All heavy atoms as atom14 arrays in JSON, in Angstrom:
{
  "sequence": "AKCGDLNSSNYIFSSLLDKNPVTWNAMVAANARHGDRENALKLFIE",
  "atom14_mask": [
    [1, 1, 1, 1, 1, 0, 0, 0, 0, 0, 0, 0, 0, 0],
    [1, 1, 1, 1, 1, 1, 1, 1, 1, 0, 0, 0, 0, 0],
    [1, 1, 1, 1, 1, 1, 0, 0, 0, 0, 0, 0, 0, 0],
    [1, 1, 1, 1, 0, 0, 0, 0, 0, 0, 0, 0, 0, 0],
    [1, 1, 1, 1, 1, 1, 1, 1, 0, 0, 0, 0, 0, 0],
    [1, 1, 1, 1, 1, 1, 1, 1, 0, 0, 0, 0, 0, 0],
    [1, 1, 1, 1, 1, 1, 1, 1, 0, 0, 0, 0, 0, 0],
    [1, 1, 1, 1, 1, 1, 0, 0, 0, 0, 0, 0, 0, 0],
    [1, 1, 1, 1, 1, 1, 0, 0, 0, 0, 0, 0, 0, 0],
    [1, 1, 1, 1, 1, 1, 1, 1, 0, 0, 0, 0, 0, 0],
    [1, 1, 1, 1, 1, 1, 1, 1, 1, 1, 1, 1, 0, 0],
    [1, 1, 1, 1, 1, 1, 1, 1, 0, 0, 0, 0, 0, 0],
    [1, 1, 1, 1, 1, 1, 1, 1, 1, 1, 1, 0, 0, 0],
    [1, 1, 1, 1, 1, 1, 0, 0, 0, 0, 0, 0, 0, 0],
    [1, 1, 1, 1, 1, 1, 0, 0, 0, 0, 0, 0, 0, 0],
    [1, 1, 1, 1, 1, 1, 1, 1, 0, 0, 0, 0, 0, 0],
    [1, 1, 1, 1, 1, 1, 1, 1, 0, 0, 0, 0, 0, 0],
    [1, 1, 1, 1, 1, 1, 1, 1, 0, 0, 0, 0, 0, 0],
    [1, 1, 1, 1, 1, 1, 1, 1, 1, 0, 0, 0, 0, 0],
    [1, 1, 1, 1, 1, 1, 1, 1, 0, 0, 0, 0, 0, 0],
    [1, 1, 1, 1, 1, 1, 1, 0, 0, 0, 0, 0, 0, 0],
    [1, 1, 1, 1, 1, 1, 1, 0, 0, 0, 0, 0, 0, 0],
    [1, 1, 1, 1, 1, 1, 1, 0, 0, 0, 0, 0, 0, 0],
    [1, 1, 1, 1, 1, 1, 1, 1, 1, 1, 1, 1, 1, 1],
    [1, 1, 1, 1, 1, 1, 1, 1, 0, 0, 0, 0, 0, 0],
    [1, 1, 1, 1, 1, 0, 0, 0, 0, 0, 0, 0, 0, 0],
    [1, 1, 1, 1, 1, 1, 1, 1, 0, 0, 0, 0, 0, 0],
    [1, 1, 1, 1, 1, 1, 1, 0, 0, 0, 0, 0, 0, 0],
    [1, 1, 1, 1, 1, 0, 0, 0, 0, 0, 0, 0, 0, 0],
    [1, 1, 1, 1, 1, 0, 0, 0, 0, 0, 0, 0, 0, 0],
    [1, 1, 1, 1, 1, 1, 1, 1, 0, 0, 0, 0, 0, 0],
    [1, 1, 1, 1, 1, 0, 0, 0, 0, 0, 0, 0, 0, 0],
    [1, 1, 1, 1, 1, 1, 1, 1, 1, 1, 1, 0, 0, 0],
    [1, 1, 1, 1, 1, 1, 1, 1, 1, 1, 0, 0, 0, 0],
    [1, 1, 1, 1, 0, 0, 0, 0, 0, 0, 0, 0, 0, 0],
    [1, 1, 1, 1, 1, 1, 1, 1, 0, 0, 0, 0, 0, 0],
    [1, 1, 1, 1, 1, 1, 1, 1, 1, 1, 1, 0, 0, 0],
    [1, 1, 1, 1, 1, 1, 1, 1, 1, 0, 0, 0, 0, 0],
    [1, 1, 1, 1, 1, 1, 1, 1, 0, 0, 0, 0, 0, 0],
    [1, 1, 1, 1, 1, 0, 0, 0, 0, 0, 0, 0, 0, 0],
    [1, 1, 1, 1, 1, 1, 1, 1, 0, 0, 0, 0, 0, 0],
    [1, 1, 1, 1, 1, 1, 1, 1, 1, 0, 0, 0, 0, 0],
    [1, 1, 1, 1, 1, 1, 1, 1, 0, 0, 0, 0, 0, 0],
    [1, 1, 1, 1, 1, 1, 1, 1, 1, 1, 1, 0, 0, 0],
    [1, 1, 1, 1, 1, 1, 1, 1, 0, 0, 0, 0, 0, 0],
    [1, 1, 1, 1, 1, 1, 1, 1, 1, 0, 0, 0, 0, 0]
  ],
  "atom14_positions": [
    [[26.87, -20.76, -15.26], [25.9, -19.71, -15.12], [24.59, -20.38, -14.61], [23.89, -19.84, -13.62], [25.61, -18.97, -16.39], [0.0, 0.0, 0.0], [0.0, 0.0, 0.0], [0.0, 0.0, 0.0], [0.0, 0.0, 0.0], [0.0, 0.0, 0.0], [0.0, 0.0, 0.0], [0.0, 0.0, 0.0], [0.0, 0.0, 0.0], [0.0, 0.0, 0.0]],
    [[24.15, -21.42, -15.24], [23.03, -22.17, -14.79], [23.0, -22.61, -13.35], [21.94, -22.69, -12.71], [22.68, -23.36, -15.79], [22.06, -22.9, -17.1], [22.15, -24.12, -18.04], [21.32, -25.33, -17.58], [21.32, -26.41, -18.64], [0.0, 0.0, 0.0], [0.0, 0.0, 0.0], [0.0, 0.0, 0.0], [0.0, 0.0, 0.0], [0.0, 0.0, 0.0]],
    [[24.23, -22.87, -12.96], [24.31, -23.43, -11.61], [24.7, -22.33, -10.59], [25.01, -22.51, -9.46], [25.55, -24.46, -11.56], [25.25, -26.17, -12.43], [0.0, 0.0, 0.0], [0.0, 0.0, 0.0], [0.0, 0.0, 0.0], [0.0, 0.0, 0.0], [0.0, 0.0, 0.0], [0.0, 0.0, 0.0], [0.0, 0.0, 0.0], [0.0, 0.0, 0.0]],
    [[24.59, -21.08, -11.07], [24.56, -20.0, -9.98], [26.05, -19.47, -9.92], [26.21, -18.62, -9.03], [0.0, 0.0, 0.0], [0.0, 0.0, 0.0], [0.0, 0.0, 0.0], [0.0, 0.0, 0.0], [0.0, 0.0, 0.0], [0.0, 0.0, 0.0], [0.0, 0.0, 0.0], [0.0, 0.0, 0.0], [0.0, 0.0, 0.0], [0.0, 0.0, 0.0]],
    [[26.92, -19.77, -10.77], [28.3, -19.26, -10.58], [28.72, -18.53, -11.74], [29.53, -18.88, -12.63], [29.22, -20.55, -10.45], [30.65, -20.17, -10.01], [30.97, -19.02, -9.94], [31.53, -21.09, -9.8], [0.0, 0.0, 0.0], [0.0, 0.0, 0.0], [0.0, 0.0, 0.0], [0.0, 0.0, 0.0], [0.0, 0.0, 0.0], [0.0, 0.0, 0.0]],
    [[28.14, -17.3, -11.86], [28.46, -16.35, -13.07], [29.91, -15.97, -13.03], [30.52, -15.59, -13.88], [27.51, -15.19, -12.92], [26.22, -15.25, -13.57], [25.5, -13.99, -13.41], [26.5, -15.42, -15.15], [0.0, 0.0, 0.0], [0.0, 0.0, 0.0], [0.0, 0.0, 0.0], [0.0, 0.0, 0.0], [0.0, 0.0, 0.0], [0.0, 0.0, 0.0]],
    [[30.41, -15.87, -11.74], [31.95, -15.54, -11.66], [32.82, -16.4, -12.39], [33.71, -16.05, -13.16], [32.38, -15.49, -10.23], [31.83, -14.29, -9.41], [31.48, -13.25, -10.0], [31.76, -14.39, -8.2], [0.0, 0.0, 0.0], [0.0, 0.0, 0.0], [0.0, 0.0, 0.0], [0.0, 0.0, 0.0], [0.0, 0.0, 0.0], [0.0, 0.0, 0.0]],
    [[32.56, -17.78, -12.32], [33.32, -18.79, -13.06], [33.14, -18.61, -14.59], [33.95, -18.83, -15.44], [33.09, -20.2, -12.67], [33.47, -20.31, -11.3], [0.0, 0.0, 0.0], [0.0, 0.0, 0.0], [0.0, 0.0, 0.0], [0.0, 0.0, 0.0], [0.0, 0.0, 0.0], [0.0, 0.0, 0.0], [0.0, 0.0, 0.0], [0.0, 0.0, 0.0]],
    [[31.92, -18.37, -14.97], [31.44, -18.1, -16.32], [32.31, -16.99, -16.89], [33.03, -16.97, -18.06], [30.0, -17.85, -16.5], [29.23, -18.94, -16.28], [0.0, 0.0, 0.0], [0.0, 0.0, 0.0], [0.0, 0.0, 0.0], [0.0, 0.0, 0.0], [0.0, 0.0, 0.0], [0.0, 0.0, 0.0], [0.0, 0.0, 0.0], [0.0, 0.0, 0.0]],
    [[32.32, -15.8, -16.2], [33.05, -14.72, -16.7], [34.57, -14.98, -16.61], [35.25, -14.34, -17.58], [32.67, -13.55, -15.72], [31.42, -12.9, -15.96], [31.05, -12.44, -17.1], [30.45, -12.85, -14.98], [0.0, 0.0, 0.0], [0.0, 0.0, 0.0], [0.0, 0.0, 0.0], [0.0, 0.0, 0.0], [0.0, 0.0, 0.0], [0.0, 0.0, 0.0]],
    [[35.06, -15.73, -15.82], [36.5, -16.07, -15.73], [36.87, -16.81, -16.93], [37.85, -16.42, -17.6], [36.84, -16.79, -14.4], [38.23, -17.22, -14.32], [39.23, -16.25, -13.99], [38.54, -18.5, -14.64], [40.58, -16.64, -13.99], [39.96, -18.86, -14.66], [40.9, -17.89, -14.38], [42.19, -18.32, -14.26], [0.0, 0.0, 0.0], [0.0, 0.0, 0.0]],
    [[36.13, -17.84, -17.15], [36.46, -18.59, -18.42], [36.34, -17.74, -19.64], [37.29, -17.8, -20.48], [35.37, -19.81, -18.61], [35.46, -20.78, -17.4], [35.56, -20.59, -19.96], [34.4, -21.86, -17.31], [0.0, 0.0, 0.0], [0.0, 0.0, 0.0], [0.0, 0.0, 0.0], [0.0, 0.0, 0.0], [0.0, 0.0, 0.0], [0.0, 0.0, 0.0]],
    [[35.4, -16.91, -19.73], [35.29, -16.11, -21.02], [36.46, -15.06, -21.0], [37.08, -14.94, -21.98], [34.0, -15.33, -20.84], [33.72, -14.38, -22.03], [33.43, -14.78, -23.26], [33.94, -13.0, -21.93], [33.3, -13.93, -24.32], [33.67, -12.15, -22.9], [33.48, -12.59, -24.14], [0.0, 0.0, 0.0], [0.0, 0.0, 0.0], [0.0, 0.0, 0.0]],
    [[36.77, -14.47, -19.83], [37.9, -13.51, -19.92], [39.13, -14.08, -20.21], [40.22, -13.38, -20.64], [37.96, -12.73, -18.65], [38.15, -13.64, -17.48], [0.0, 0.0, 0.0], [0.0, 0.0, 0.0], [0.0, 0.0, 0.0], [0.0, 0.0, 0.0], [0.0, 0.0, 0.0], [0.0, 0.0, 0.0], [0.0, 0.0, 0.0], [0.0, 0.0, 0.0]],
    [[39.28, -15.37, -19.8], [40.74, -16.08, -20.03], [40.88, -16.51, -21.56], [41.97, -16.94, -21.89], [40.78, -17.25, -19.16], [39.97, -18.23, -19.41], [0.0, 0.0, 0.0], [0.0, 0.0, 0.0], [0.0, 0.0, 0.0], [0.0, 0.0, 0.0], [0.0, 0.0, 0.0], [0.0, 0.0, 0.0], [0.0, 0.0, 0.0], [0.0, 0.0, 0.0]],
    [[39.77, -16.47, -22.31], [39.93, -16.91, -23.82], [40.7, -15.87, -24.56], [40.35, -14.64, -24.57], [38.49, -17.12, -24.27], [37.71, -18.1, -23.6], [36.27, -18.09, -24.34], [38.19, -19.41, -23.75], [0.0, 0.0, 0.0], [0.0, 0.0, 0.0], [0.0, 0.0, 0.0], [0.0, 0.0, 0.0], [0.0, 0.0, 0.0], [0.0, 0.0, 0.0]],
    [[41.7, -16.24, -25.32], [42.48, -15.36, -26.14], [41.72, -15.13, -27.38], [41.78, -14.07, -28.05], [43.89, -16.05, -26.33], [44.74, -16.24, -25.15], [46.03, -16.92, -25.53], [45.12, -14.88, -24.47], [0.0, 0.0, 0.0], [0.0, 0.0, 0.0], [0.0, 0.0, 0.0], [0.0, 0.0, 0.0], [0.0, 0.0, 0.0], [0.0, 0.0, 0.0]],
    [[40.98, -16.16, -27.93], [40.31, -16.05, -29.27], [38.77, -16.2, -28.93], [38.35, -17.34, -28.79], [40.8, -17.14, -30.12], [40.25, -17.15, -31.55], [39.82, -15.97, -31.9], [40.12, -18.18, -32.15], [0.0, 0.0, 0.0], [0.0, 0.0, 0.0], [0.0, 0.0, 0.0], [0.0, 0.0, 0.0], [0.0, 0.0, 0.0], [0.0, 0.0, 0.0]],
    [[38.18, -15.04, -28.77], [36.7, -14.97, -28.51], [36.04, -14.93, -29.86], [36.24, -14.04, -30.62], [36.36, -13.83, -27.61], [37.04, -13.81, -26.22], [36.62, -12.67, -25.44], [37.12, -12.64, -24.11], [38.62, -12.33, -24.03], [0.0, 0.0, 0.0], [0.0, 0.0, 0.0], [0.0, 0.0, 0.0], [0.0, 0.0, 0.0], [0.0, 0.0, 0.0]],
    [[35.22, -15.97, -30.19], [34.54, -15.96, -31.41], [32.99, -15.65, -31.06], [32.55, -15.52, -29.96], [34.68, -17.19, -32.17], [34.1, -18.5, -31.39], [33.24, -18.33, -30.53], [34.89, -19.6, -31.74], [0.0, 0.0, 0.0], [0.0, 0.0, 0.0], [0.0, 0.0, 0.0], [0.0, 0.0, 0.0], [0.0, 0.0, 0.0], [0.0, 0.0, 0.0]],
    [[32.07, -15.54, -32.17], [30.67, -15.3, -31.91], [29.98, -16.23, -31.02], [29.15, -15.82, -30.2], [30.06, -15.26, -33.35], [31.21, -14.78, -34.22], [32.43, -15.49, -33.49], [0.0, 0.0, 0.0], [0.0, 0.0, 0.0], [0.0, 0.0, 0.0], [0.0, 0.0, 0.0], [0.0, 0.0, 0.0], [0.0, 0.0, 0.0], [0.0, 0.0, 0.0]],
    [[30.3, -17.5, -31.01], [29.82, -18.47, -30.17], [30.01, -18.26, -28.67], [28.98, -18.28, -27.89], [30.24, -19.95, -30.55], [29.72, -20.94, -29.54], [29.79, -20.47, -31.99], [0.0, 0.0, 0.0], [0.0, 0.0, 0.0], [0.0, 0.0, 0.0], [0.0, 0.0, 0.0], [0.0, 0.0, 0.0], [0.0, 0.0, 0.0], [0.0, 0.0, 0.0]],
    [[31.29, -17.95, -28.33], [31.56, -17.73, -26.93], [30.99, -16.34, -26.45], [30.6, -16.26, -25.32], [33.08, -17.81, -26.73], [33.81, -16.86, -27.67], [33.57, -19.23, -26.75], [0.0, 0.0, 0.0], [0.0, 0.0, 0.0], [0.0, 0.0, 0.0], [0.0, 0.0, 0.0], [0.0, 0.0, 0.0], [0.0, 0.0, 0.0], [0.0, 0.0, 0.0]],
    [[31.02, -15.33, -27.36], [30.44, -14.04, -26.96], [29.04, -14.24, -26.77], [28.52, -13.71, -25.72], [30.59, -13.05, -28.2], [31.98, -12.27, -28.12], [33.05, -12.5, -28.95], [32.27, -11.21, -27.36], [33.97, -11.64, -28.68], [33.61, -10.77, -27.65], [31.65, -10.42, -26.32], [34.3, -9.79, -27.04], [32.25, -9.44, -25.78], [33.58, -9.05, -26.1]],
    [[28.31, -14.93, -27.58], [26.76, -15.16, -27.35], [26.52, -15.89, -26.13], [25.63, -15.56, -25.44], [26.19, -15.93, -28.67], [26.08, -15.01, -29.74], [26.04, -13.67, -29.7], [25.93, -15.6, -30.98], [0.0, 0.0, 0.0], [0.0, 0.0, 0.0], [0.0, 0.0, 0.0], [0.0, 0.0, 0.0], [0.0, 0.0, 0.0], [0.0, 0.0, 0.0]],
    [[27.37, -16.87, -25.87], [27.21, -17.76, -24.64], [27.31, -16.74, -23.43], [26.58, -16.96, -22.37], [28.21, -18.83, -24.57], [0.0, 0.0, 0.0], [0.0, 0.0, 0.0], [0.0, 0.0, 0.0], [0.0, 0.0, 0.0], [0.0, 0.0, 0.0], [0.0, 0.0, 0.0], [0.0, 0.0, 0.0], [0.0, 0.0, 0.0], [0.0, 0.0, 0.0]],
    [[28.17, -15.87, -23.41], [28.53, -15.05, -22.21], [27.33, -13.99, -22.09], [26.92, -13.71, -20.95], [29.8, -14.27, -22.42], [30.41, -13.81, -21.2], [30.84, -15.11, -20.01], [29.64, -14.83, -18.66], [0.0, 0.0, 0.0], [0.0, 0.0, 0.0], [0.0, 0.0, 0.0], [0.0, 0.0, 0.0], [0.0, 0.0, 0.0], [0.0, 0.0, 0.0]],
    [[26.92, -13.44, -23.15], [25.85, -12.49, -23.18], [24.7, -13.18, -22.63], [23.79, -12.69, -21.64], [25.55, -11.82, -24.44], [24.33, -10.97, -24.47], [26.71, -11.02, -24.91], [0.0, 0.0, 0.0], [0.0, 0.0, 0.0], [0.0, 0.0, 0.0], [0.0, 0.0, 0.0], [0.0, 0.0, 0.0], [0.0, 0.0, 0.0], [0.0, 0.0, 0.0]],
    [[24.24, -14.39, -23.16], [23.05, -15.04, -22.77], [23.17, -15.49, -21.24], [22.22, -15.53, -20.56], [22.97, -16.35, -23.6], [0.0, 0.0, 0.0], [0.0, 0.0, 0.0], [0.0, 0.0, 0.0], [0.0, 0.0, 0.0], [0.0, 0.0, 0.0], [0.0, 0.0, 0.0], [0.0, 0.0, 0.0], [0.0, 0.0, 0.0], [0.0, 0.0, 0.0]],
    [[24.37, -15.94, -20.76], [24.59, -16.39, -19.38], [24.18, -15.28, -18.46], [23.57, -15.44, -17.46], [26.01, -17.0, -19.26], [0.0, 0.0, 0.0], [0.0, 0.0, 0.0], [0.0, 0.0, 0.0], [0.0, 0.0, 0.0], [0.0, 0.0, 0.0], [0.0, 0.0, 0.0], [0.0, 0.0, 0.0], [0.0, 0.0, 0.0], [0.0, 0.0, 0.0]],
    [[24.72, -14.19, -18.79], [24.48, -12.98, -17.87], [23.06, -12.53, -17.87], [22.38, -12.19, -16.85], [25.45, -11.82, -18.21], [26.84, -11.99, -17.6], [27.17, -11.58, -16.52], [27.71, -12.67, -18.39], [0.0, 0.0, 0.0], [0.0, 0.0, 0.0], [0.0, 0.0, 0.0], [0.0, 0.0, 0.0], [0.0, 0.0, 0.0], [0.0, 0.0, 0.0]],
    [[22.51, -12.58, -19.14], [21.08, -12.09, -19.25], [20.07, -13.06, -18.56], [19.09, -12.49, -18.04], [20.68, -12.04, -20.74], [0.0, 0.0, 0.0], [0.0, 0.0, 0.0], [0.0, 0.0, 0.0], [0.0, 0.0, 0.0], [0.0, 0.0, 0.0], [0.0, 0.0, 0.0], [0.0, 0.0, 0.0], [0.0, 0.0, 0.0], [0.0, 0.0, 0.0]],
    [[20.32, -14.32, -18.69], [19.48, -15.31, -18.23], [19.58, -15.67, -16.65], [18.69, -16.17, -16.08], [19.43, -16.61, -19.03], [18.99, -16.35, -20.45], [19.23, -17.48, -21.31], [18.83, -17.22, -22.59], [19.29, -17.79, -23.77], [20.27, -18.99, -23.61], [19.0, -17.61, -24.94], [0.0, 0.0, 0.0], [0.0, 0.0, 0.0], [0.0, 0.0, 0.0]],
    [[20.77, -15.33, -16.2], [21.05, -15.79, -14.86], [21.47, -14.76, -13.77], [22.35, -15.0, -12.95], [22.08, -16.98, -15.02], [21.69, -18.04, -15.8], [20.68, -18.9, -15.41], [22.12, -18.5, -17.09], [20.48, -19.81, -16.42], [21.31, -19.55, -17.3], [0.0, 0.0, 0.0], [0.0, 0.0, 0.0], [0.0, 0.0, 0.0], [0.0, 0.0, 0.0]],
    [[21.01, -13.5, -14.15], [21.15, -12.5, -13.0], [21.79, -11.14, -13.33], [21.23, -10.22, -12.77], [0.0, 0.0, 0.0], [0.0, 0.0, 0.0], [0.0, 0.0, 0.0], [0.0, 0.0, 0.0], [0.0, 0.0, 0.0], [0.0, 0.0, 0.0], [0.0, 0.0, 0.0], [0.0, 0.0, 0.0], [0.0, 0.0, 0.0], [0.0, 0.0, 0.0]],
    [[22.82, -11.09, -14.13], [23.49, -9.87, -14.28], [23.32, -9.27, -15.56], [23.97, -9.23, -16.53], [25.08, -10.08, -14.15], [25.87, -8.74, -13.94], [25.19, -7.69, -14.09], [27.06, -8.89, -13.56], [0.0, 0.0, 0.0], [0.0, 0.0, 0.0], [0.0, 0.0, 0.0], [0.0, 0.0, 0.0], [0.0, 0.0, 0.0], [0.0, 0.0, 0.0]],
    [[21.96, -8.71, -15.68], [21.59, -8.26, -16.93], [22.31, -6.96, -17.48], [22.52, -6.79, -18.58], [20.0, -7.85, -16.81], [19.03, -9.05, -16.97], [18.82, -9.55, -15.63], [18.02, -10.96, -15.58], [17.33, -11.29, -14.73], [17.05, -10.63, -13.64], [16.73, -12.61, -14.94], [0.0, 0.0, 0.0], [0.0, 0.0, 0.0], [0.0, 0.0, 0.0]],
    [[22.74, -6.09, -16.53], [23.42, -4.87, -16.98], [24.76, -5.28, -17.63], [25.31, -4.78, -18.47], [23.74, -4.04, -15.69], [22.5, -3.37, -15.16], [22.75, -2.44, -13.95], [23.9, -2.41, -13.53], [21.83, -1.78, -13.59], [0.0, 0.0, 0.0], [0.0, 0.0, 0.0], [0.0, 0.0, 0.0], [0.0, 0.0, 0.0], [0.0, 0.0, 0.0]],
    [[25.43, -6.43, -17.02], [26.65, -6.86, -17.61], [26.39, -7.43, -18.92], [27.21, -7.39, -19.75], [27.4, -7.89, -16.67], [28.79, -8.1, -17.03], [29.51, -7.2, -17.4], [29.23, -9.36, -17.08], [0.0, 0.0, 0.0], [0.0, 0.0, 0.0], [0.0, 0.0, 0.0], [0.0, 0.0, 0.0], [0.0, 0.0, 0.0], [0.0, 0.0, 0.0]],
    [[25.27, -8.21, -19.18], [24.93, -8.64, -20.43], [24.81, -7.59, -21.47], [25.32, -7.67, -22.61], [23.62, -9.5, -20.4], [0.0, 0.0, 0.0], [0.0, 0.0, 0.0], [0.0, 0.0, 0.0], [0.0, 0.0, 0.0], [0.0, 0.0, 0.0], [0.0, 0.0, 0.0], [0.0, 0.0, 0.0], [0.0, 0.0, 0.0], [0.0, 0.0, 0.0]],
    [[24.3, -6.45, -21.26], [24.21, -5.32, -22.1], [25.65, -4.8, -22.38], [25.95, -4.27, -23.49], [23.34, -4.25, -21.64], [21.77, -4.68, -21.53], [20.99, -3.59, -20.9], [21.31, -4.95, -23.02], [0.0, 0.0, 0.0], [0.0, 0.0, 0.0], [0.0, 0.0, 0.0], [0.0, 0.0, 0.0], [0.0, 0.0, 0.0], [0.0, 0.0, 0.0]],
    [[26.41, -4.66, -21.31], [27.82, -4.18, -21.48], [28.64, -5.03, -22.41], [29.36, -4.66, -23.31], [28.53, -4.15, -20.16], [28.01, -2.96, -19.2], [28.8, -2.95, -17.9], [28.17, -1.84, -16.99], [28.76, -1.98, -15.6], [0.0, 0.0, 0.0], [0.0, 0.0, 0.0], [0.0, 0.0, 0.0], [0.0, 0.0, 0.0], [0.0, 0.0, 0.0]],
    [[28.41, -6.4, -22.29], [29.16, -7.35, -23.14], [28.62, -7.24, -24.6], [29.37, -7.38, -25.46], [28.91, -8.68, -22.6], [29.69, -9.14, -21.28], [29.13, -10.38, -20.69], [31.07, -9.39, -21.7], [0.0, 0.0, 0.0], [0.0, 0.0, 0.0], [0.0, 0.0, 0.0], [0.0, 0.0, 0.0], [0.0, 0.0, 0.0], [0.0, 0.0, 0.0]],
    [[27.47, -7.04, -24.76], [26.81, -6.79, -26.08], [27.55, -5.64, -26.88], [27.87, -5.65, -28.0], [25.31, -6.58, -26.12], [24.68, -6.44, -27.42], [24.32, -7.58, -28.18], [24.49, -5.2, -27.92], [23.63, -7.53, -29.41], [23.86, -5.18, -29.26], [23.54, -6.24, -29.93], [0.0, 0.0, 0.0], [0.0, 0.0, 0.0], [0.0, 0.0, 0.0]],
    [[27.58, -4.53, -26.02], [28.29, -3.34, -26.6], [29.82, -3.63, -26.87], [30.29, -3.28, -27.93], [28.14, -2.16, -25.63], [26.68, -1.74, -25.5], [28.92, -0.94, -26.05], [26.37, -0.82, -24.3], [0.0, 0.0, 0.0], [0.0, 0.0, 0.0], [0.0, 0.0, 0.0], [0.0, 0.0, 0.0], [0.0, 0.0, 0.0], [0.0, 0.0, 0.0]],
    [[30.5, -4.36, -25.96], [31.74, -4.76, -26.21], [31.89, -5.56, -27.47], [32.9, -5.52, -28.2], [32.44, -5.53, -24.99], [32.73, -4.67, -23.81], [33.16, -5.47, -22.56], [33.78, -6.5, -22.75], [32.93, -5.04, -21.41], [0.0, 0.0, 0.0], [0.0, 0.0, 0.0], [0.0, 0.0, 0.0], [0.0, 0.0, 0.0], [0.0, 0.0, 0.0]]
  ]
}
């Protein structure tokens, strides 16, 4: 995400079978801080 590749961030997250609070928070923060704020809010709701 910091390097401008949110697609890869989202891909890594979506491929995880066991998503825990650490990875959820990382994904919400990555989208919130690096461009896709609407997706960050969607992820928070999910």
